[in-house]
């Protein structure tokens, strides 16, 4: 079963609490790609499910692409589907202008 699941930077490094990701949110850029890693112990089921805390304003597909329909804070959760109950969550706080950061 899944031993641990967590969000990562694009390079595969684990995102720790308090880390920040950089991205730009604008009238033309309304998507953000999330990455994750699942550490398992002899499981063939590596399926995950992503969930948005505000699915009417921000959706996330089964590959971790987040689409903002409204500029709002959102908690995205990734959940292992192997029965282990392992999850990880990340809070995205979009900001326009300036350095355009996502706060975790």
PDB file of N, CA and C in Angstrom:
ATOM      1  N   UNK A   1       0.821  -1.189   0.000  1.00  0.00           N
ATOM      2  CA  UNK A   1       0.000   0.000   0.000  1.00  0.00           C
ATOM      3  C   UNK A   1       0.866   1.255   0.000  1.00  0.00           C
ATOM      4  N   UNK A   2       0.222   2.372  -0.216  1.00  0.00           N
ATOM      5  CA  UNK A   2       0.906   3.665  -0.211  1.00  0.00           C
ATOM      6  C   UNK A   2       1.450   3.934   1.190  1.00  0.00           C
ATOM      7  N   UNK A   3       2.737   4.278   1.249  1.00  0.00           N
ATOM      8  CA  UNK A   3       3.363   4.623   2.525  1.00  0.00           C
ATOM      9  C   UNK A   3       3.291   6.122   2.787  1.00  0.00           C
ATOM     10  N   UNK A   4       3.415   6.902   1.694  1.00  0.00           N
ATOM     11  CA  UNK A   4       3.381   8.358   1.812  1.00  0.00           C
ATOM     12  C   UNK A   4       3.056   8.944   0.444  1.00  0.00           C
ATOM     13  N   UNK A   5       2.325  10.045   0.457  1.00  0.00           N
ATOM     14  CA  UNK A   5       2.033  10.780  -0.770  1.00  0.00           C
ATOM     15  C   UNK A   5       2.211  12.257  -0.445  1.00  0.00           C
ATOM     16  N   UNK A   6       2.862  12.984  -1.354  1.00  0.00           N
ATOM     17  CA  UNK A   6       3.118  14.397  -1.065  1.00  0.00           C
ATOM     18  C   UNK A   6       3.315  15.171  -2.365  1.00  0.00           C
ATOM     19  N   UNK A   7       3.078  16.478  -2.275  1.00  0.00           N
ATOM     20  CA  UNK A   7       3.288  17.352  -3.415  1.00  0.00           C
ATOM     21  C   UNK A   7       4.777  17.638  -3.559  1.00  0.00           C
ATOM     22  N   UNK A   8       5.208  17.831  -4.821  1.00  0.00           N
ATOM     23  CA  UNK A   8       6.615  18.117  -5.111  1.00  0.00           C
ATOM     24  C   UNK A   8       6.725  19.322  -6.032  1.00  0.00           C
ATOM     25  N   UNK A   9       7.933  19.856  -6.089  1.00  0.00           N
ATOM     26  CA  UNK A   9       8.257  20.821  -7.122  1.00  0.00           C
ATOM     27  C   UNK A   9       8.377  20.050  -8.431  1.00  0.00           C
ATOM     28  N   UNK A  10       8.469  20.752  -9.529  1.00  0.00           N
ATOM     29  CA  UNK A  10       8.578  20.102 -10.829  1.00  0.00           C
ATOM     30  C   UNK A  10       9.812  19.190 -10.898  1.00  0.00           C
ATOM     31  N   UNK A  11      10.877  19.528 -10.158  1.00  0.00           N
ATOM     32  CA  UNK A  11      12.100  18.720 -10.168  1.00  0.00           C
ATOM     33  C   UNK A  11      12.004  17.485  -9.272  1.00  0.00           C
ATOM     34  N   UNK A  12      10.863  17.270  -8.606  1.00  0.00           N
ATOM     35  CA  UNK A  12      10.661  16.096  -7.766  1.00  0.00           C
ATOM     36  C   UNK A  12      10.964  16.301  -6.294  1.00  0.00           C
ATOM     37  N   UNK A  13      11.523  17.456  -5.925  1.00  0.00           N
ATOM     38  CA  UNK A  13      11.841  17.744  -4.525  1.00  0.00           C
ATOM     39  C   UNK A  13      10.548  17.971  -3.737  1.00  0.00           C
ATOM     40  N   UNK A  14      10.483  17.398  -2.552  1.00  0.00           N
ATOM     41  CA  UNK A  14       9.287  17.504  -1.709  1.00  0.00           C
ATOM     42  C   UNK A  14       9.013  18.943  -1.303  1.00  0.00           C
ATOM     43  N   UNK A  15       7.765  19.339  -1.379  1.00  0.00           N
ATOM     44  CA  UNK A  15       7.348  20.662  -0.908  1.00  0.00           C
ATOM     45  C   UNK A  15       7.089  20.563   0.593  1.00  0.00           C
ATOM     46  N   UNK A  16       7.833  21.326   1.348  1.00  0.00           N
ATOM     47  CA  UNK A  16       7.680  21.339   2.809  1.00  0.00           C
ATOM     48  C   UNK A  16       6.720  22.446   3.210  1.00  0.00           C
ATOM     49  N   UNK A  17       6.106  22.314   4.365  1.00  0.00           N
ATOM     50  CA  UNK A  17       5.245  23.380   4.879  1.00  0.00           C
ATOM     51  C   UNK A  17       6.044  24.677   4.945  1.00  0.00           C
ATOM     52  N   UNK A  18       5.438  25.768   4.485  1.00  0.00           N
ATOM     53  CA  UNK A  18       6.101  27.055   4.512  1.00  0.00           C
ATOM     54  C   UNK A  18       6.828  27.401   3.231  1.00  0.00           C
ATOM     55  N   UNK A  19       7.043  26.409   2.344  1.00  0.00           N
ATOM     56  CA  UNK A  19       7.678  26.688   1.052  1.00  0.00           C
ATOM     57  C   UNK A  19       6.721  27.479   0.174  1.00  0.00           C
ATOM     58  N   UNK A  20       7.275  28.160  -0.822  1.00  0.00           N
ATOM     59  CA  UNK A  20       6.450  28.927  -1.753  1.00  0.00           C
ATOM     60  C   UNK A  20       6.779  28.510  -3.180  1.00  0.00           C
ATOM     61  N   UNK A  21       5.753  28.465  -4.020  1.00  0.00           N
ATOM     62  CA  UNK A  21       5.907  28.196  -5.441  1.00  0.00           C
ATOM     63  C   UNK A  21       5.656  29.496  -6.184  1.00  0.00           C
ATOM     64  N   UNK A  22       6.348  29.707  -7.279  1.00  0.00           N
ATOM     65  CA  UNK A  22       6.138  30.915  -8.073  1.00  0.00           C
ATOM     66  C   UNK A  22       5.344  30.596  -9.325  1.00  0.00           C
ATOM     67  N   UNK A  23       4.397  31.430  -9.641  1.00  0.00           N
ATOM     68  CA  UNK A  23       3.646  31.320 -10.881  1.00  0.00           C
ATOM     69  C   UNK A  23       2.968  32.647 -11.144  1.00  0.00           C
ATOM     70  N   UNK A  24       2.495  32.816 -12.344  1.00  0.00           N
ATOM     71  CA  UNK A  24       1.821  34.053 -12.726  1.00  0.00           C
ATOM     72  C   UNK A  24       0.369  33.752 -13.025  1.00  0.00           C
ATOM     73  N   UNK A  25      -0.530  34.506 -12.435  1.00  0.00           N
ATOM     74  CA  UNK A  25      -1.958  34.401 -12.714  1.00  0.00           C
ATOM     75  C   UNK A  25      -2.368  35.700 -13.382  1.00  0.00           C
ATOM     76  N   UNK A  26      -2.963  35.598 -14.548  1.00  0.00           N
ATOM     77  CA  UNK A  26      -3.359  36.797 -15.285  1.00  0.00           C
ATOM     78  C   UNK A  26      -4.655  36.505 -16.033  1.00  0.00           C
ATOM     79  N   UNK A  27      -5.081  37.450 -16.831  1.00  0.00           N
ATOM     80  CA  UNK A  27      -6.295  37.238 -17.623  1.00  0.00           C
ATOM     81  C   UNK A  27      -6.118  36.120 -18.634  1.00  0.00           C
ATOM     82  N   UNK A  28      -4.885  35.861 -19.058  1.00  0.00           N
ATOM     83  CA  UNK A  28      -4.643  34.811 -20.048  1.00  0.00           C
ATOM     84  C   UNK A  28      -4.060  33.538 -19.449  1.00  0.00           C
ATOM     85  N   UNK A  29      -3.465  33.620 -18.256  1.00  0.00           N
ATOM     86  CA  UNK A  29      -2.907  32.439 -17.593  1.00  0.00           C
ATOM     87  C   UNK A  29      -3.765  32.126 -16.377  1.00  0.00           C
ATOM     88  N   UNK A  30      -4.552  31.066 -16.487  1.00  0.00           N
ATOM     89  CA  UNK A  30      -5.473  30.712 -15.402  1.00  0.00           C
ATOM     90  C   UNK A  30      -5.269  29.274 -14.934  1.00  0.00           C
ATOM     91  N   UNK A  31      -4.153  28.652 -15.320  1.00  0.00           N
ATOM     92  CA  UNK A  31      -3.891  27.264 -14.961  1.00  0.00           C
ATOM     93  C   UNK A  31      -2.570  27.148 -14.216  1.00  0.00           C
ATOM     94  N   UNK A  32      -2.480  26.094 -13.391  1.00  0.00           N
ATOM     95  CA  UNK A  32      -1.250  25.822 -12.669  1.00  0.00           C
ATOM     96  C   UNK A  32      -1.108  24.306 -12.545  1.00  0.00           C
ATOM     97  N   UNK A  33       0.070  23.761 -12.867  1.00  0.00           N
ATOM     98  CA  UNK A  33       0.300  22.322 -12.803  1.00  0.00           C
ATOM     99  C   UNK A  33       0.918  21.945 -11.461  1.00  0.00           C
ATOM    100  N   UNK A  34       0.280  20.995 -10.760  1.00  0.00           N
ATOM    101  CA  UNK A  34       0.821  20.459  -9.515  1.00  0.00           C
ATOM    102  C   UNK A  34       1.496  19.118  -9.798  1.00  0.00           C
ATOM    103  N   UNK A  35       2.488  18.795  -8.996  1.00  0.00           N
ATOM    104  CA  UNK A  35       3.207  17.521  -9.103  1.00  0.00           C
ATOM    105  C   UNK A  35       3.161  16.837  -7.741  1.00  0.00           C
ATOM    106  N   UNK A  36       3.234  15.508  -7.749  1.00  0.00           N
ATOM    107  CA  UNK A  36       3.196  14.758  -6.494  1.00  0.00           C
ATOM    108  C   UNK A  36       4.054  13.506  -6.632  1.00  0.00           C
ATOM    109  N   UNK A  37       4.333  12.889  -5.500  1.00  0.00           N
ATOM    110  CA  UNK A  37       5.054  11.621  -5.487  1.00  0.00           C
ATOM    111  C   UNK A  37       4.347  10.682  -4.526  1.00  0.00           C
ATOM    112  N   UNK A  38       4.242   9.420  -4.928  1.00  0.00           N
ATOM    113  CA  UNK A  38       3.643   8.395  -4.087  1.00  0.00           C
ATOM    114  C   UNK A  38       4.710   7.345  -3.785  1.00  0.00           C
ATOM    115  N   UNK A  39       4.993   7.140  -2.516  1.00  0.00           N
ATOM    116  CA  UNK A  39       5.919   6.096  -2.105  1.00  0.00           C
ATOM    117  C   UNK A  39       5.084   4.902  -1.670  1.00  0.00           C
ATOM    118  N   UNK A  40       5.355   3.740  -2.280  1.00  0.00           N
ATOM    119  CA  UNK A  40       4.506   2.568  -2.049  1.00  0.00           C
ATOM    120  C   UNK A  40       5.317   1.373  -1.585  1.00  0.00           C
ATOM    121  N   UNK A  41       4.591   0.392  -1.067  1.00  0.00           N
ATOM    122  CA  UNK A  41       5.178  -0.873  -0.667  1.00  0.00           C
ATOM    123  C   UNK A  41       4.425  -1.979  -1.399  1.00  0.00           C
ATOM    124  N   UNK A  42       4.936  -2.336  -2.563  1.00  0.00           N
ATOM    125  CA  UNK A  42       4.389  -3.456  -3.335  1.00  0.00           C
ATOM    126  C   UNK A  42       2.917  -3.291  -3.687  1.00  0.00           C
ATOM    127  N   UNK A  43       2.558  -2.193  -4.261  1.00  0.00           N
ATOM    128  CA  UNK A  43       1.181  -2.016  -4.710  1.00  0.00           C
ATOM    129  C   UNK A  43       1.170  -1.772  -6.206  1.00  0.00           C
ATOM    130  N   UNK A  44       0.178  -2.299  -6.857  1.00  0.00           N
ATOM    131  CA  UNK A  44       0.057  -2.051  -8.291  1.00  0.00           C
ATOM    132  C   UNK A  44      -0.925  -0.914  -8.554  1.00  0.00           C
ATOM    133  N   UNK A  45      -1.693  -0.528  -7.536  1.00  0.00           N
ATOM    134  CA  UNK A  45      -2.657   0.558  -7.696  1.00  0.00           C
ATOM    135  C   UNK A  45      -1.996   1.873  -7.314  1.00  0.00           C
ATOM    136  N   UNK A  46      -1.600   2.638  -8.318  1.00  0.00           N
ATOM    137  CA  UNK A  46      -0.962   3.930  -8.079  1.00  0.00           C
ATOM    138  C   UNK A  46      -1.910   5.065  -8.448  1.00  0.00           C
ATOM    139  N   UNK A  47      -3.203   4.753  -8.528  1.00  0.00           N
ATOM    140  CA  UNK A  47      -4.196   5.765  -8.868  1.00  0.00           C
ATOM    141  C   UNK A  47      -4.349   6.767  -7.722  1.00  0.00           C
ATOM    142  N   UNK A  48      -4.587   8.023  -8.102  1.00  0.00           N
ATOM    143  CA  UNK A  48      -4.842   9.076  -7.129  1.00  0.00           C
ATOM    144  C   UNK A  48      -6.076   9.855  -7.566  1.00  0.00           C
ATOM    145  N   UNK A  49      -6.616  10.593  -6.624  1.00  0.00           N
ATOM    146  CA  UNK A  49      -7.739  11.478  -6.911  1.00  0.00           C
ATOM    147  C   UNK A  49      -7.397  12.844  -6.329  1.00  0.00           C
ATOM    148  N   UNK A  50      -7.607  13.882  -7.141  1.00  0.00           N
ATOM    149  CA  UNK A  50      -7.401  15.253  -6.684  1.00  0.00           C
ATOM    150  C   UNK A  50      -8.754  15.858  -6.345  1.00  0.00           C
ATOM    151  N   UNK A  51      -8.783  16.699  -5.318  1.00  0.00           N
ATOM    152  CA  UNK A  51     -10.018  17.361  -4.903  1.00  0.00           C
ATOM    153  C   UNK A  51      -9.739  18.839  -4.648  1.00  0.00           C
ATOM    154  N   UNK A  52     -10.692  19.678  -5.033  1.00  0.00           N
ATOM    155  CA  UNK A  52     -10.635  21.117  -4.791  1.00  0.00           C
ATOM    156  C   UNK A  52     -11.607  21.460  -3.675  1.00  0.00           C
ATOM    157  N   UNK A  53     -11.201  22.382  -2.798  1.00  0.00           N
ATOM    158  CA  UNK A  53     -12.092  22.800  -1.710  1.00  0.00           C
ATOM    159  C   UNK A  53     -13.210  23.704  -2.209  1.00  0.00           C
ATOM    160  N   UNK A  54     -13.036  24.275  -3.394  1.00  0.00           N
ATOM    161  CA  UNK A  54     -14.060  25.149  -4.001  1.00  0.00           C
ATOM    162  C   UNK A  54     -14.250  24.750  -5.475  1.00  0.00           C
ATOM    163  N   UNK A  55     -14.837  23.578  -5.722  1.00  0.00           N
ATOM    164  CA  UNK A  55     -14.920  23.063  -7.092  1.00  0.00           C
ATOM    165  C   UNK A  55     -15.751  23.917  -8.041  1.00  0.00           C
ATOM    166  N   UNK A  56     -16.567  24.827  -7.520  1.00  0.00           N
ATOM    167  CA  UNK A  56     -17.327  25.720  -8.394  1.00  0.00           C
ATOM    168  C   UNK A  56     -16.476  26.896  -8.885  1.00  0.00           C
ATOM    169  N   UNK A  57     -15.290  27.114  -8.252  1.00  0.00           N
ATOM    170  CA  UNK A  57     -14.414  28.235  -8.623  1.00  0.00           C
ATOM    171  C   UNK A  57     -13.047  27.792  -9.132  1.00  0.00           C
ATOM    172  N   UNK A  58     -12.591  26.629  -8.641  1.00  0.00           N
ATOM    173  CA  UNK A  58     -11.279  26.094  -9.016  1.00  0.00           C
ATOM    174  C   UNK A  58     -11.423  24.588  -9.174  1.00  0.00           C
ATOM    175  N   UNK A  59     -11.034  24.074 -10.342  1.00  0.00           N
ATOM    176  CA  UNK A  59     -11.100  22.629 -10.561  1.00  0.00           C
ATOM    177  C   UNK A  59      -9.693  22.092 -10.748  1.00  0.00           C
ATOM    178  N   UNK A  60      -9.543  20.803 -10.499  1.00  0.00           N
ATOM    179  CA  UNK A  60      -8.260  20.139 -10.708  1.00  0.00           C
ATOM    180  C   UNK A  60      -8.559  18.818 -11.409  1.00  0.00           C
ATOM    181  N   UNK A  61      -7.809  18.543 -12.487  1.00  0.00           N
ATOM    182  CA  UNK A  61      -8.079  17.308 -13.227  1.00  0.00           C
ATOM    183  C   UNK A  61      -7.304  16.145 -12.618  1.00  0.00           C
ATOM    184  N   UNK A  62      -7.438  14.957 -13.208  1.00  0.00           N
ATOM    185  CA  UNK A  62      -6.822  13.761 -12.629  1.00  0.00           C
ATOM    186  C   UNK A  62      -5.310  13.705 -12.829  1.00  0.00           C
ATOM    187  N   UNK A  63      -4.728  14.703 -13.497  1.00  0.00           N
ATOM    188  CA  UNK A  63      -3.280  14.794 -13.655  1.00  0.00           C
ATOM    189  C   UNK A  63      -2.671  15.918 -12.826  1.00  0.00           C
ATOM    190  N   UNK A  64      -3.502  16.619 -12.047  1.00  0.00           N
ATOM    191  CA  UNK A  64      -3.006  17.681 -11.173  1.00  0.00           C
ATOM    192  C   UNK A  64      -2.985  19.062 -11.786  1.00  0.00           C
ATOM    193  N   UNK A  65      -3.648  19.250 -12.941  1.00  0.00           N
ATOM    194  CA  UNK A  65      -3.716  20.591 -13.526  1.00  0.00           C
ATOM    195  C   UNK A  65      -4.855  21.350 -12.861  1.00  0.00           C
ATOM    196  N   UNK A  66      -4.515  22.487 -12.237  1.00  0.00           N
ATOM    197  CA  UNK A  66      -5.478  23.321 -11.527  1.00  0.00           C
ATOM    198  C   UNK A  66      -5.928  24.420 -12.474  1.00  0.00           C
ATOM    199  N   UNK A  67      -7.243  24.595 -12.596  1.00  0.00           N
ATOM    200  CA  UNK A  67      -7.804  25.632 -13.456  1.00  0.00           C
ATOM    201  C   UNK A  67      -8.630  26.579 -12.589  1.00  0.00           C
ATOM    202  N   UNK A  68      -8.227  27.858 -12.584  1.00  0.00           N
ATOM    203  CA  UNK A  68      -8.915  28.885 -11.814  1.00  0.00           C
ATOM    204  C   UNK A  68      -9.995  29.531 -12.670  1.00  0.00           C
ATOM    205  N   UNK A  69     -11.256  29.441 -12.238  1.00  0.00           N
ATOM    206  CA  UNK A  69     -12.346  30.167 -12.886  1.00  0.00           C
ATOM    207  C   UNK A  69     -12.607  31.474 -12.155  1.00  0.00           C
ATOM    208  N   UNK A  70     -12.076  31.561 -10.947  1.00  0.00           N
ATOM    209  CA  UNK A  70     -12.198  32.762 -10.127  1.00  0.00           C
ATOM    210  C   UNK A  70     -10.928  32.860  -9.296  1.00  0.00           C
ATOM    211  N   UNK A  71     -10.464  34.070  -9.062  1.00  0.00           N
ATOM    212  CA  UNK A  71      -9.269  34.277  -8.251  1.00  0.00           C
ATOM    213  C   UNK A  71      -9.652  34.114  -6.785  1.00  0.00           C
ATOM    214  N   UNK A  72      -9.298  32.974  -6.214  1.00  0.00           N
ATOM    215  CA  UNK A  72      -9.679  32.657  -4.846  1.00  0.00           C
ATOM    216  C   UNK A  72      -8.682  31.683  -4.237  1.00  0.00           C
ATOM    217  N   UNK A  73      -8.599  31.666  -2.910  1.00  0.00           N
ATOM    218  CA  UNK A  73      -7.790  30.670  -2.214  1.00  0.00           C
ATOM    219  C   UNK A  73      -8.451  29.308  -2.407  1.00  0.00           C
ATOM    220  N   UNK A  74      -7.612  28.269  -2.483  1.00  0.00           N
ATOM    221  CA  UNK A  74      -8.146  26.917  -2.648  1.00  0.00           C
ATOM    222  C   UNK A  74      -7.208  25.917  -1.987  1.00  0.00           C
ATOM    223  N   UNK A  75      -7.796  24.901  -1.387  1.00  0.00           N
ATOM    224  CA  UNK A  75      -7.020  23.791  -0.860  1.00  0.00           C
ATOM    225  C   UNK A  75      -7.196  22.634  -1.842  1.00  0.00           C
ATOM    226  N   UNK A  76      -6.062  22.128  -2.356  1.00  0.00           N
ATOM    227  CA  UNK A  76      -6.078  20.977  -3.252  1.00  0.00           C
ATOM    228  C   UNK A  76      -5.558  19.784  -2.470  1.00  0.00           C
ATOM    229  N   UNK A  77      -6.298  18.689  -2.520  1.00  0.00           N
ATOM    230  CA  UNK A  77      -5.918  17.462  -1.831  1.00  0.00           C
ATOM    231  C   UNK A  77      -5.669  16.375  -2.863  1.00  0.00           C
ATOM    232  N   UNK A  78      -4.589  15.619  -2.670  1.00  0.00           N
ATOM    233  CA  UNK A  78      -4.327  14.427  -3.478  1.00  0.00           C
ATOM    234  C   UNK A  78      -4.503  13.235  -2.548  1.00  0.00           C
ATOM    235  N   UNK A  79      -5.258  12.232  -3.026  1.00  0.00           N
ATOM    236  CA  UNK A  79      -5.611  11.082  -2.194  1.00  0.00           C
ATOM    237  C   UNK A  79      -5.260   9.789  -2.928  1.00  0.00           C
ATOM    238  N   UNK A  80      -4.491   8.910  -2.279  1.00  0.00           N
ATOM    239  CA  UNK A  80      -4.182   7.595  -2.844  1.00  0.00           C
ATOM    240  C   UNK A  80      -5.473   6.782  -2.915  1.00  0.00           C
ATOM    241  N   UNK A  81      -5.662   6.049  -4.001  1.00  0.00           N
ATOM    242  CA  UNK A  81      -6.888   5.284  -4.203  1.00  0.00           C
ATOM    243  C   UNK A  81      -6.689   3.786  -3.962  1.00  0.00           C
ATOM    244  N   UNK A  82      -5.668   3.419  -3.178  1.00  0.00           N
ATOM    245  CA  UNK A  82      -5.361   2.006  -2.932  1.00  0.00           C
ATOM    246  C   UNK A  82      -5.917   1.499  -1.606  1.00  0.00           C
ATOM    247  N   UNK A  83      -6.698   2.334  -0.921  1.00  0.00           N
ATOM    248  CA  UNK A  83      -7.277   1.921   0.356  1.00  0.00           C
ATOM    249  C   UNK A  83      -6.417   2.263   1.556  1.00  0.00           C
ATOM    250  N   UNK A  84      -5.244   2.870   1.345  1.00  0.00           N
ATOM    251  CA  UNK A  84      -4.345   3.204   2.451  1.00  0.00           C
ATOM    252  C   UNK A  84      -4.817   4.422   3.236  1.00  0.00           C
ATOM    253  N   UNK A  85      -5.614   5.282   2.596  1.00  0.00           N
ATOM    254  CA  UNK A  85      -6.076   6.504   3.247  1.00  0.00           C
ATOM    255  C   UNK A  85      -5.054   7.627   3.260  1.00  0.00           C
ATOM    256  N   UNK A  86      -3.929   7.474   2.562  1.00  0.00           N
ATOM    257  CA  UNK A  86      -2.880   8.502   2.557  1.00  0.00           C
ATOM    258  C   UNK A  86      -3.292   9.686   1.695  1.00  0.00           C
ATOM    259  N   UNK A  87      -3.053  10.900   2.219  1.00  0.00           N
ATOM    260  CA  UNK A  87      -3.393  12.135   1.516  1.00  0.00           C
ATOM    261  C   UNK A  87      -2.327  13.194   1.786  1.00  0.00           C
ATOM    262  N   UNK A  88      -2.353  14.227   0.966  1.00  0.00           N
ATOM    263  CA  UNK A  88      -1.594  15.440   1.229  1.00  0.00           C
ATOM    264  C   UNK A  88      -2.423  16.585   0.672  1.00  0.00           C
ATOM    265  N   UNK A  89      -2.292  17.745   1.284  1.00  0.00           N
ATOM    266  CA  UNK A  89      -3.030  18.931   0.842  1.00  0.00           C
ATOM    267  C   UNK A  89      -2.080  20.096   0.691  1.00  0.00           C
ATOM    268  N   UNK A  90      -2.444  20.999  -0.210  1.00  0.00           N
ATOM    269  CA  UNK A  90      -1.677  22.203  -0.448  1.00  0.00           C
ATOM    270  C   UNK A  90      -2.666  23.351  -0.618  1.00  0.00           C
ATOM    271  N   UNK A  91      -2.358  24.503  -0.024  1.00  0.00           N
ATOM    272  CA  UNK A  91      -3.209  25.680  -0.169  1.00  0.00           C
ATOM    273  C   UNK A  91      -2.588  26.600  -1.203  1.00  0.00           C
ATOM    274  N   UNK A  92      -3.371  26.957  -2.223  1.00  0.00           N
ATOM    275  CA  UNK A  92      -2.919  27.878  -3.247  1.00  0.00           C
ATOM    276  C   UNK A  92      -3.594  29.214  -3.029  1.00  0.00           C
ATOM    277  N   UNK A  93      -2.788  30.259  -2.963  1.00  0.00           N
ATOM    278  CA  UNK A  93      -3.285  31.623  -2.787  1.00  0.00           C
ATOM    279  C   UNK A  93      -2.790  32.421  -3.991  1.00  0.00           C
ATOM    280  N   UNK A  94      -3.610  32.554  -5.022  1.00  0.00           N
ATOM    281  CA  UNK A  94      -3.151  33.265  -6.218  1.00  0.00           C
ATOM    282  C   UNK A  94      -3.013  34.757  -5.964  1.00  0.00           C
ATOM    283  N   UNK A  95      -2.001  35.335  -6.583  1.00  0.00           N
ATOM    284  CA  UNK A  95      -1.776  36.773  -6.462  1.00  0.00           C
ATOM    285  C   UNK A  95      -1.467  37.320  -7.841  1.00  0.00           C
ATOM    286  N   UNK A  96      -2.096  38.426  -8.186  1.00  0.00           N
ATOM    287  CA  UNK A  96      -1.814  39.070  -9.466  1.00  0.00           C
ATOM    288  C   UNK A  96      -0.720  40.100  -9.286  1.00  0.00           C
ATOM    289  N   UNK A  97       0.054  40.282 -10.366  1.00  0.00           N
ATOM    290  CA  UNK A  97       1.093  41.297 -10.340  1.00  0.00           C
ATOM    291  C   UNK A  97       2.208  40.919  -9.399  1.00  0.00           C
ATOM    292  N   UNK A  98       3.059  41.850  -9.119  1.00  0.00           N
ATOM    293  CA  UNK A  98       4.173  41.600  -8.198  1.00  0.00           C
ATOM    294  C   UNK A  98       4.940  40.361  -8.605  1.00  0.00           C
ATOM    295  N   UNK A  99       5.246  39.485  -7.632  1.00  0.00           N
ATOM    296  CA  UNK A  99       6.010  38.290  -7.946  1.00  0.00           C
ATOM    297  C   UNK A  99       5.121  37.095  -8.264  1.00  0.00           C
ATOM    298  N   UNK A 100       3.793  37.222  -8.151  1.00  0.00           N
ATOM    299  CA  UNK A 100       2.893  36.143  -8.525  1.00  0.00           C
ATOM    300  C   UNK A 100       3.220  34.841  -7.836  1.00  0.00           C
ATOM    301  N   UNK A 101       3.047  34.756  -6.526  1.00  0.00           N
ATOM    302  CA  UNK A 101       3.411  33.552  -5.805  1.00  0.00           C
ATOM    303  C   UNK A 101       2.198  32.752  -5.391  1.00  0.00           C
ATOM    304  N   UNK A 102       2.435  31.474  -5.214  1.00  0.00           N
ATOM    305  CA  UNK A 102       1.442  30.593  -4.623  1.00  0.00           C
ATOM    306  C   UNK A 102       1.964  30.282  -3.236  1.00  0.00           C
ATOM    307  N   UNK A 103       1.197  30.585  -2.216  1.00  0.00           N
ATOM    308  CA  UNK A 103       1.635  30.321  -0.851  1.00  0.00           C
ATOM    309  C   UNK A 103       1.127  28.964  -0.409  1.00  0.00           C
ATOM    310  N   UNK A 104       1.977  28.237   0.299  1.00  0.00           N
ATOM    311  CA  UNK A 104       1.617  26.904   0.790  1.00  0.00           C
ATOM    312  C   UNK A 104       1.367  26.989   2.273  1.00  0.00           C
TER     313      UNK A 104
END
